[in-house]
Amino acid sequence: MQELTLITPTFLFSAISLLLLAYTNRFLSYAQLVRTLKDKYMEDHSALTHAQIMNIRKRILLTKNMQLIGVASLLLCVATMFFIYIGLQTLSVYTFGIALVFLIISLSLSVMEIRISANSLIIYLSDMEVTRKEKV
């Protein structure tokens, strides 16, 4: 097994930091969307708005889990750098491996969230199609 250097987890450290920033931006946009959907649902209890609310609920849960697992990956990267620094090479290799697995899980959740987001847009557009057919 090849020795890890401080540079290896550092690359992952910066990538995860940028990923967490993207997740946070996504979460903030969901917060605004939830407020808008709630107000809209309180006005007209439509099935479309209810479907969008259920969809956003799933997306928020996935985004929360993406963030938590991403933070765990980041923490393990920092722990890896610490273990390398104090000379615990074997422990650093296993810690880094777990950090990579957590990153894979976080990215997989992101893919699931993207698919749900796409479905949300399809739900939104379906209302437009229904409205257009009614006018014709």
N, C-alpha and C. Protein backbone atom coordinates (compact mmCIF):
# COMPACT_ATOMS: atom_id res chain seq x y z
N MET A 1 0.86 -1.18 0.00
CA MET A 1 0.00 0.00 0.00
C MET A 1 0.90 1.24 0.00
N GLN A 2 0.56 2.19 -0.84
CA GLN A 2 1.35 3.41 -0.95
C GLN A 2 0.97 4.38 0.17
N GLU A 3 1.97 5.09 0.66
CA GLU A 3 1.73 6.04 1.75
C GLU A 3 0.94 7.25 1.27
N LEU A 4 0.03 7.70 2.11
CA LEU A 4 -0.70 8.93 1.83
C LEU A 4 0.17 10.11 2.24
N THR A 5 0.08 11.18 1.47
CA THR A 5 0.73 12.42 1.89
C THR A 5 -0.36 13.42 2.23
N LEU A 6 0.03 14.53 2.81
CA LEU A 6 -0.96 15.55 3.17
C LEU A 6 -1.67 16.13 1.95
N ILE A 7 -1.05 16.01 0.78
CA ILE A 7 -1.63 16.60 -0.43
C ILE A 7 -2.89 15.84 -0.86
N THR A 8 -2.91 14.53 -0.72
CA THR A 8 -4.04 13.73 -1.20
C THR A 8 -5.37 14.14 -0.56
N PRO A 9 -5.49 14.14 0.79
CA PRO A 9 -6.76 14.56 1.36
C PRO A 9 -7.04 16.05 1.18
N THR A 10 -6.02 16.82 0.92
CA THR A 10 -6.21 18.25 0.71
C THR A 10 -7.03 18.50 -0.56
N PHE A 11 -6.79 17.72 -1.60
CA PHE A 11 -7.58 17.85 -2.83
C PHE A 11 -9.05 17.57 -2.55
N LEU A 12 -9.31 16.51 -1.82
CA LEU A 12 -10.68 16.17 -1.49
C LEU A 12 -11.30 17.22 -0.58
N PHE A 13 -10.51 17.76 0.31
CA PHE A 13 -10.96 18.79 1.24
C PHE A 13 -11.53 19.99 0.48
N SER A 14 -10.80 20.46 -0.52
CA SER A 14 -11.28 21.63 -1.28
C SER A 14 -12.49 21.28 -2.13
N ALA A 15 -12.54 20.09 -2.69
CA ALA A 15 -13.69 19.69 -3.50
C ALA A 15 -14.94 19.59 -2.65
N ILE A 16 -14.81 19.00 -1.47
CA ILE A 16 -15.97 18.85 -0.58
C ILE A 16 -16.46 20.22 -0.12
N SER A 17 -15.56 21.13 0.15
CA SER A 17 -15.96 22.47 0.57
C SER A 17 -16.82 23.15 -0.49
N LEU A 18 -16.41 23.04 -1.74
CA LEU A 18 -17.21 23.62 -2.83
C LEU A 18 -18.54 22.91 -2.99
N LEU A 19 -18.53 21.61 -2.82
CA LEU A 19 -19.77 20.84 -2.90
C LEU A 19 -20.75 21.25 -1.81
N LEU A 20 -20.25 21.44 -0.60
CA LEU A 20 -21.12 21.87 0.50
C LEU A 20 -21.68 23.26 0.26
N LEU A 21 -20.92 24.12 -0.37
CA LEU A 21 -21.42 25.44 -0.73
C LEU A 21 -22.58 25.32 -1.72
N ALA A 22 -22.45 24.44 -2.69
CA ALA A 22 -23.54 24.22 -3.65
C ALA A 22 -24.76 23.65 -2.95
N TYR A 23 -24.55 22.71 -2.03
CA TYR A 23 -25.68 22.13 -1.28
C TYR A 23 -26.38 23.20 -0.45
N THR A 24 -25.62 24.08 0.17
CA THR A 24 -26.20 25.14 0.99
C THR A 24 -27.01 26.10 0.14
N ASN A 25 -26.50 26.45 -1.03
CA ASN A 25 -27.25 27.32 -1.94
C ASN A 25 -28.56 26.66 -2.36
N ARG A 26 -28.50 25.37 -2.62
CA ARG A 26 -29.71 24.64 -3.00
C ARG A 26 -30.72 24.67 -1.85
N PHE A 27 -30.24 24.46 -0.63
CA PHE A 27 -31.10 24.45 0.54
C PHE A 27 -31.77 25.81 0.74
N LEU A 28 -31.01 26.88 0.55
CA LEU A 28 -31.57 28.23 0.71
C LEU A 28 -32.65 28.51 -0.34
N SER A 29 -32.44 28.03 -1.55
CA SER A 29 -33.47 28.23 -2.58
C SER A 29 -34.72 27.43 -2.24
N TYR A 30 -34.56 26.27 -1.62
CA TYR A 30 -35.72 25.48 -1.19
C TYR A 30 -36.49 26.20 -0.10
N ALA A 31 -35.78 26.85 0.79
CA ALA A 31 -36.46 27.58 1.87
C ALA A 31 -37.38 28.65 1.28
N GLN A 32 -36.90 29.36 0.29
CA GLN A 32 -37.72 30.38 -0.36
C GLN A 32 -38.90 29.75 -1.10
N LEU A 33 -38.64 28.65 -1.77
CA LEU A 33 -39.70 27.95 -2.50
C LEU A 33 -40.78 27.43 -1.56
N VAL A 34 -40.39 26.93 -0.39
CA VAL A 34 -41.35 26.43 0.59
C VAL A 34 -42.28 27.56 1.04
N ARG A 35 -41.71 28.71 1.31
CA ARG A 35 -42.54 29.86 1.73
C ARG A 35 -43.55 30.22 0.64
N THR A 36 -43.09 30.25 -0.59
CA THR A 36 -43.97 30.59 -1.71
C THR A 36 -45.07 29.54 -1.89
N LEU A 37 -44.68 28.26 -1.84
CA LEU A 37 -45.67 27.20 -2.02
C LEU A 37 -46.68 27.17 -0.88
N LYS A 38 -46.23 27.43 0.32
CA LYS A 38 -47.15 27.42 1.46
C LYS A 38 -48.21 28.52 1.29
N ASP A 39 -47.75 29.72 0.95
CA ASP A 39 -48.69 30.82 0.73
C ASP A 39 -49.68 30.48 -0.39
N LYS A 40 -49.16 29.90 -1.46
CA LYS A 40 -50.02 29.55 -2.59
C LYS A 40 -51.03 28.47 -2.18
N TYR A 41 -50.59 27.49 -1.40
CA TYR A 41 -51.49 26.42 -0.98
C TYR A 41 -52.56 26.93 -0.02
N MET A 42 -52.20 27.88 0.82
CA MET A 42 -53.17 28.43 1.76
C MET A 42 -54.28 29.18 1.02
N GLU A 43 -53.94 29.72 -0.15
CA GLU A 43 -54.93 30.44 -0.95
C GLU A 43 -55.87 29.52 -1.72
N ASP A 44 -55.31 28.45 -2.34
CA ASP A 44 -56.16 27.68 -3.25
C ASP A 44 -56.02 26.16 -3.16
N HIS A 45 -55.60 25.58 -2.16
CA HIS A 45 -55.52 24.12 -1.93
C HIS A 45 -55.54 23.27 -3.20
N SER A 46 -54.82 23.66 -4.22
CA SER A 46 -54.84 22.91 -5.48
C SER A 46 -54.01 21.63 -5.37
N ALA A 47 -54.38 20.66 -6.18
CA ALA A 47 -53.66 19.38 -6.20
C ALA A 47 -52.23 19.58 -6.71
N LEU A 48 -52.06 20.48 -7.65
CA LEU A 48 -50.73 20.76 -8.19
C LEU A 48 -49.82 21.31 -7.10
N THR A 49 -50.30 22.27 -6.34
CA THR A 49 -49.49 22.85 -5.27
C THR A 49 -49.19 21.80 -4.21
N HIS A 50 -50.15 20.96 -3.90
CA HIS A 50 -49.92 19.89 -2.93
C HIS A 50 -48.84 18.93 -3.43
N ALA A 51 -48.89 18.57 -4.71
CA ALA A 51 -47.88 17.68 -5.29
C ALA A 51 -46.50 18.33 -5.23
N GLN A 52 -46.43 19.62 -5.48
CA GLN A 52 -45.15 20.33 -5.40
C GLN A 52 -44.63 20.36 -3.97
N ILE A 53 -45.52 20.53 -3.00
CA ILE A 53 -45.12 20.55 -1.59
C ILE A 53 -44.57 19.19 -1.19
N MET A 54 -45.23 18.13 -1.61
CA MET A 54 -44.74 16.78 -1.28
C MET A 54 -43.39 16.52 -1.94
N ASN A 55 -43.23 17.03 -3.15
CA ASN A 55 -41.97 16.88 -3.86
C ASN A 55 -40.85 17.63 -3.15
N ILE A 56 -41.12 18.86 -2.74
CA ILE A 56 -40.08 19.66 -2.09
C ILE A 56 -39.70 19.07 -0.73
N ARG A 57 -40.66 18.42 -0.09
CA ARG A 57 -40.38 17.76 1.20
C ARG A 57 -39.30 16.68 1.01
N LYS A 58 -39.44 15.88 -0.04
CA LYS A 58 -38.44 14.84 -0.33
C LYS A 58 -37.09 15.47 -0.65
N ARG A 59 -37.12 16.54 -1.43
CA ARG A 59 -35.89 17.19 -1.84
C ARG A 59 -35.15 17.80 -0.65
N ILE A 60 -35.90 18.37 0.28
CA ILE A 60 -35.27 18.96 1.47
C ILE A 60 -34.62 17.86 2.31
N LEU A 61 -35.30 16.74 2.48
CA LEU A 61 -34.75 15.63 3.25
C LEU A 61 -33.47 15.11 2.60
N LEU A 62 -33.49 14.94 1.29
CA LEU A 62 -32.28 14.49 0.60
C LEU A 62 -31.15 15.50 0.73
N THR A 63 -31.47 16.77 0.58
CA THR A 63 -30.43 17.80 0.68
C THR A 63 -29.84 17.85 2.08
N LYS A 64 -30.68 17.70 3.09
CA LYS A 64 -30.18 17.66 4.47
C LYS A 64 -29.21 16.49 4.65
N ASN A 65 -29.59 15.33 4.14
CA ASN A 65 -28.72 14.16 4.26
C ASN A 65 -27.44 14.32 3.44
N MET A 66 -27.55 14.94 2.26
CA MET A 66 -26.36 15.22 1.45
C MET A 66 -25.39 16.09 2.23
N GLN A 67 -25.92 17.12 2.90
CA GLN A 67 -25.09 18.03 3.67
C GLN A 67 -24.44 17.31 4.85
N LEU A 68 -25.22 16.54 5.60
CA LEU A 68 -24.69 15.85 6.77
C LEU A 68 -23.59 14.86 6.39
N ILE A 69 -23.82 14.09 5.35
CA ILE A 69 -22.82 13.11 4.93
C ILE A 69 -21.61 13.80 4.32
N GLY A 70 -21.84 14.90 3.61
CA GLY A 70 -20.73 15.69 3.07
C GLY A 70 -19.87 16.28 4.18
N VAL A 71 -20.50 16.78 5.24
CA VAL A 71 -19.75 17.32 6.38
C VAL A 71 -18.96 16.20 7.06
N ALA A 72 -19.57 15.03 7.18
CA ALA A 72 -18.86 13.89 7.78
C ALA A 72 -17.62 13.55 6.94
N SER A 73 -17.76 13.59 5.62
CA SER A 73 -16.64 13.33 4.73
C SER A 73 -15.54 14.38 4.94
N LEU A 74 -15.96 15.63 5.06
CA LEU A 74 -14.99 16.71 5.29
C LEU A 74 -14.26 16.52 6.62
N LEU A 75 -15.01 16.17 7.65
CA LEU A 75 -14.38 15.92 8.96
C LEU A 75 -13.38 14.77 8.89
N LEU A 76 -13.74 13.73 8.17
CA LEU A 76 -12.82 12.60 8.03
C LEU A 76 -11.58 12.97 7.23
N CYS A 77 -11.72 13.89 6.29
CA CYS A 77 -10.53 14.38 5.56
C CYS A 77 -9.59 15.12 6.50
N VAL A 78 -10.17 15.93 7.36
CA VAL A 78 -9.36 16.66 8.35
C VAL A 78 -8.69 15.67 9.29
N ALA A 79 -9.46 14.65 9.73
CA ALA A 79 -8.88 13.63 10.61
C ALA A 79 -7.75 12.88 9.89
N THR A 80 -7.94 12.61 8.60
CA THR A 80 -6.89 11.96 7.81
C THR A 80 -5.62 12.79 7.81
N MET A 81 -5.77 14.10 7.58
CA MET A 81 -4.58 14.97 7.58
C MET A 81 -3.91 14.97 8.96
N PHE A 82 -4.70 14.95 10.01
CA PHE A 82 -4.14 14.91 11.35
C PHE A 82 -3.39 13.60 11.59
N PHE A 83 -3.99 12.48 11.17
CA PHE A 83 -3.33 11.18 11.36
C PHE A 83 -2.03 11.09 10.56
N ILE A 84 -2.03 11.66 9.36
CA ILE A 84 -0.79 11.69 8.58
C ILE A 84 0.25 12.53 9.31
N TYR A 85 -0.18 13.67 9.82
CA TYR A 85 0.73 14.59 10.51
C TYR A 85 1.38 13.94 11.73
N ILE A 86 0.62 13.16 12.48
CA ILE A 86 1.20 12.55 13.69
C ILE A 86 1.82 11.18 13.41
N GLY A 87 1.79 10.74 12.14
CA GLY A 87 2.49 9.52 11.76
C GLY A 87 1.69 8.24 11.84
N LEU A 88 0.38 8.32 11.94
CA LEU A 88 -0.47 7.12 11.97
C LEU A 88 -0.94 6.81 10.55
N GLN A 89 -0.03 6.28 9.76
CA GLN A 89 -0.27 6.08 8.34
C GLN A 89 -1.42 5.10 8.07
N THR A 90 -1.44 3.97 8.74
CA THR A 90 -2.48 2.97 8.50
C THR A 90 -3.85 3.53 8.84
N LEU A 91 -3.97 4.19 9.97
CA LEU A 91 -5.24 4.78 10.37
C LEU A 91 -5.67 5.87 9.38
N SER A 92 -4.70 6.63 8.88
CA SER A 92 -5.04 7.69 7.92
C SER A 92 -5.59 7.10 6.62
N VAL A 93 -5.05 5.96 6.19
CA VAL A 93 -5.53 5.33 4.95
C VAL A 93 -6.98 4.88 5.12
N TYR A 94 -7.30 4.24 6.23
CA TYR A 94 -8.67 3.79 6.45
C TYR A 94 -9.64 4.96 6.63
N THR A 95 -9.20 5.98 7.32
CA THR A 95 -10.04 7.17 7.52
C THR A 95 -10.33 7.84 6.19
N PHE A 96 -9.30 7.93 5.36
CA PHE A 96 -9.49 8.54 4.05
C PHE A 96 -10.43 7.70 3.19
N GLY A 97 -10.33 6.39 3.28
CA GLY A 97 -11.23 5.51 2.54
C GLY A 97 -12.68 5.72 2.95
N ILE A 98 -12.91 5.86 4.25
CA ILE A 98 -14.27 6.11 4.74
C ILE A 98 -14.76 7.47 4.24
N ALA A 99 -13.86 8.46 4.23
CA ALA A 99 -14.23 9.80 3.72
C ALA A 99 -14.65 9.71 2.26
N LEU A 100 -13.96 8.90 1.48
CA LEU A 100 -14.32 8.73 0.08
C LEU A 100 -15.68 8.05 -0.07
N VAL A 101 -15.94 7.05 0.76
CA VAL A 101 -17.24 6.37 0.72
C VAL A 101 -18.35 7.35 1.06
N PHE A 102 -18.14 8.19 2.08
CA PHE A 102 -19.15 9.18 2.44
C PHE A 102 -19.37 10.18 1.31
N LEU A 103 -18.31 10.54 0.62
CA LEU A 103 -18.46 11.45 -0.52
C LEU A 103 -19.26 10.79 -1.63
N ILE A 104 -19.01 9.52 -1.87
CA ILE A 104 -19.78 8.78 -2.88
C ILE A 104 -21.26 8.76 -2.51
N ILE A 105 -21.55 8.52 -1.24
CA ILE A 105 -22.95 8.49 -0.78
C ILE A 105 -23.58 9.87 -0.96
N SER A 106 -22.86 10.91 -0.57
CA SER A 106 -23.38 12.27 -0.70
C SER A 106 -23.68 12.61 -2.16
N LEU A 107 -22.78 12.25 -3.05
CA LEU A 107 -23.00 12.51 -4.47
C LEU A 107 -24.15 11.68 -5.04
N SER A 108 -24.30 10.46 -4.55
CA SER A 108 -25.42 9.62 -4.98
C SER A 108 -26.76 10.22 -4.55
N LEU A 109 -26.80 10.75 -3.33
CA LEU A 109 -28.01 11.43 -2.88
C LEU A 109 -28.28 12.66 -3.73
N SER A 110 -27.22 13.32 -4.15
CA SER A 110 -27.38 14.49 -5.01
C SER A 110 -28.01 14.11 -6.34
N VAL A 111 -27.60 12.98 -6.90
CA VAL A 111 -28.18 12.50 -8.16
C VAL A 111 -29.67 12.20 -7.95
N MET A 112 -30.02 11.56 -6.84
CA MET A 112 -31.43 11.29 -6.55
C MET A 112 -32.22 12.59 -6.43
N GLU A 113 -31.63 13.59 -5.78
CA GLU A 113 -32.31 14.87 -5.61
C GLU A 113 -32.50 15.57 -6.95
N ILE A 114 -31.53 15.47 -7.82
CA ILE A 114 -31.65 16.07 -9.15
C ILE A 114 -32.79 15.43 -9.92
N ARG A 115 -32.93 14.12 -9.81
CA ARG A 115 -34.03 13.43 -10.50
C ARG A 115 -35.39 13.89 -9.96
N ILE A 116 -35.49 14.05 -8.65
CA ILE A 116 -36.75 14.52 -8.06
C ILE A 116 -37.02 15.96 -8.48
N SER A 117 -35.97 16.77 -8.54
CA SER A 117 -36.14 18.16 -8.98
C SER A 117 -36.66 18.22 -10.41
N ALA A 118 -36.14 17.34 -11.25
CA ALA A 118 -36.62 17.29 -12.63
C ALA A 118 -38.10 16.91 -12.66
N ASN A 119 -38.50 15.96 -11.83
CA ASN A 119 -39.91 15.59 -11.75
C ASN A 119 -40.77 16.76 -11.29
N SER A 120 -40.23 17.55 -10.38
CA SER A 120 -40.96 18.72 -9.91
C SER A 120 -41.23 19.69 -11.04
N LEU A 121 -40.24 19.89 -11.88
CA LEU A 121 -40.44 20.78 -13.03
C LEU A 121 -41.46 20.21 -14.01
N ILE A 122 -41.47 18.89 -14.16
CA ILE A 122 -42.45 18.25 -15.03
C ILE A 122 -43.86 18.45 -14.47
N ILE A 123 -44.01 18.32 -13.15
CA ILE A 123 -45.31 18.57 -12.51
C ILE A 123 -45.75 20.01 -12.78
N TYR A 124 -44.81 20.92 -12.64
CA TYR A 124 -45.12 22.33 -12.84
C TYR A 124 -45.54 22.60 -14.28
N LEU A 125 -44.82 22.01 -15.22
CA LEU A 125 -45.14 22.21 -16.64
C LEU A 125 -46.44 21.52 -17.04
N SER A 126 -46.78 20.43 -16.36
CA SER A 126 -48.01 19.73 -16.70
C SER A 126 -49.22 20.61 -16.45
N ASP A 127 -49.16 21.46 -15.45
CA ASP A 127 -50.24 22.39 -15.18
C ASP A 127 -50.39 23.38 -16.33
N MET A 128 -49.28 23.81 -16.89
CA MET A 128 -49.32 24.71 -18.03
C MET A 128 -49.98 24.05 -19.23
N GLU A 129 -49.66 22.78 -19.46
CA GLU A 129 -50.23 22.05 -20.58
C GLU A 129 -51.73 21.88 -20.42
N VAL A 130 -52.17 21.58 -19.19
CA VAL A 130 -53.60 21.43 -18.92
C VAL A 130 -54.32 22.75 -19.18
N THR A 131 -53.74 23.85 -18.69
CA THR A 131 -54.34 25.17 -18.89
C THR A 131 -54.43 25.51 -20.38
N ARG A 132 -53.37 25.18 -21.13
CA ARG A 132 -53.36 25.48 -22.56
C ARG A 132 -54.42 24.66 -23.29
N LYS A 133 -54.59 23.38 -22.93
CA LYS A 133 -55.59 22.53 -23.57
C LYS A 133 -57.01 23.00 -23.26
N GLU A 134 -57.21 23.52 -22.06
CA GLU A 134 -58.53 24.02 -21.67
C GLU A 134 -58.91 25.24 -22.49
N LYS A 135 -57.94 26.06 -22.84
CA LYS A 135 -58.21 27.28 -23.61
C LYS A 135 -58.48 26.98 -25.07
N VAL A 136 -57.97 25.86 -25.56
CA VAL A 136 -58.13 25.52 -27.00
C VAL A 136 -59.45 24.94 -27.28
